[in-house]
Protein backbone atom coordinates (compact mmCIF):
# COMPACT_ATOMS: atom_id res chain seq x y z
CA UNK A 1 115.91 123.80 109.52
CA UNK A 2 112.67 122.80 108.32
CA UNK A 3 111.05 124.37 105.47
CA UNK A 4 108.30 126.99 106.01
CA UNK A 5 104.86 127.43 104.20
CA UNK A 6 104.25 130.97 103.09
CA UNK A 7 100.95 131.02 105.20
CA UNK A 8 103.10 130.44 108.63
CA UNK A 9 104.63 133.56 107.63
CA UNK A 10 101.36 135.56 106.60
CA UNK A 11 99.70 134.37 109.68
CA UNK A 12 96.45 135.59 108.07
CA UNK A 13 94.51 133.57 110.29
CA UNK A 14 95.12 135.81 113.26
CA UNK A 15 93.77 139.01 111.58
CA UNK A 16 90.32 140.03 112.36
CA UNK A 17 88.72 140.19 109.28
CA UNK A 18 85.81 142.86 109.09
CA UNK A 19 85.59 143.20 105.10
CA UNK A 20 84.89 139.85 103.82
CA UNK A 21 83.94 141.13 100.33
CA UNK A 22 87.30 142.47 99.95
CA UNK A 23 88.79 139.45 98.13
CA UNK A 24 92.40 139.42 96.91
CA UNK A 25 92.57 138.45 93.29
CA UNK A 26 93.94 134.74 93.11
CA UNK A 27 96.70 135.66 90.85
CA UNK A 28 97.92 138.32 93.10
CA UNK A 29 97.81 136.04 96.11
CA UNK A 30 99.69 133.30 94.32
CA UNK A 31 102.33 135.83 93.17
CA UNK A 32 102.94 137.02 96.85
CA UNK A 33 103.08 133.24 97.86
CA UNK A 34 105.71 132.64 95.41
CA UNK A 35 107.95 135.59 96.47
CA UNK A 36 107.62 134.95 100.00
CA UNK A 37 108.41 131.07 99.99
CA UNK A 38 111.34 131.95 97.61
CA UNK A 39 112.93 134.42 100.19
CA UNK A 40 112.01 132.55 103.35
CA UNK A 41 113.32 129.03 101.94
CA UNK A 42 116.34 130.62 99.83
CA UNK A 43 119.11 127.96 99.22
CA UNK A 44 117.69 125.31 101.38
CA UNK A 45 116.73 123.01 98.45
CA UNK A 46 113.28 122.20 99.88
CA UNK A 47 110.09 123.93 100.66
CA UNK A 48 106.21 123.29 101.19
CA UNK A 49 104.90 125.05 98.14
CA UNK A 50 106.88 124.49 94.92
CA UNK A 51 108.60 121.25 95.33
CA UNK A 52 105.94 119.44 97.10
CA UNK A 53 104.46 116.89 94.71
CA UNK A 54 101.14 116.86 96.62
CA UNK A 55 98.14 116.07 94.35
CA UNK A 56 100.30 116.16 91.27
CA UNK A 57 99.99 120.07 91.09
CA UNK A 58 102.71 121.88 89.46
CA UNK A 59 102.76 125.34 91.02
CA UNK A 60 104.48 127.04 88.01
CA UNK A 61 101.54 125.99 85.86
CA UNK A 62 99.08 126.88 88.50
CA UNK A 63 100.28 130.57 88.29
CA UNK A 64 99.55 132.75 85.28
CA UNK A 65 101.46 135.58 83.24
CA UNK A 66 104.15 136.98 85.72
CA UNK A 67 103.29 134.52 88.47
CA UNK A 68 105.09 132.02 85.96
CA UNK A 69 108.06 133.88 85.79
CA UNK A 70 108.33 134.29 89.50
CA UNK A 71 107.57 130.62 90.10
CA UNK A 72 110.38 129.78 87.97
CA UNK A 73 112.66 132.29 89.31
CA UNK A 74 111.73 130.99 93.06
CA UNK A 75 112.63 127.42 92.02
CA UNK A 76 116.12 128.75 90.98
CA UNK A 77 116.46 130.46 94.49
CA UNK A 78 115.51 127.39 96.45
CA UNK A 79 117.92 125.27 94.49
CA UNK A 80 120.49 128.08 94.54
CA UNK A 81 123.72 126.28 95.73
CA UNK A 82 122.82 122.53 94.92
CA UNK A 83 124.97 121.85 91.98
CA UNK A 84 123.80 118.16 91.91
CA UNK A 85 120.02 118.45 91.58
CA UNK A 86 119.66 122.34 90.94
CA UNK A 87 120.89 121.98 87.26
CA UNK A 88 118.84 119.26 86.35
C-alpha cells in the first residue's frame, strides 16, 4: 500500500469555512498531524510526513514541546516491525 498524508485523511479542503478568524494554533495542528500520520501509516515503514526528506526539514525539530515527543513516538510506530532499519 502507498503511504497516506494526514491531509488526505482530514479532507479539510472540502469543508465550507465560514469563520476564517478561528485559526488553529500551529503547534496543535502539528501535533494532530503527527498522531494521524502515526496511526494511519503504523508499521508500513514509510510515510509522507516524517520520513520524507523534502526541503531538508526534520519534522521532529519543527514541532515543539509535546509535539517533539509525539513525533519521536510516531517515528517508532512507523518503523514498528522493521528490525533492520528501525533500530538504526
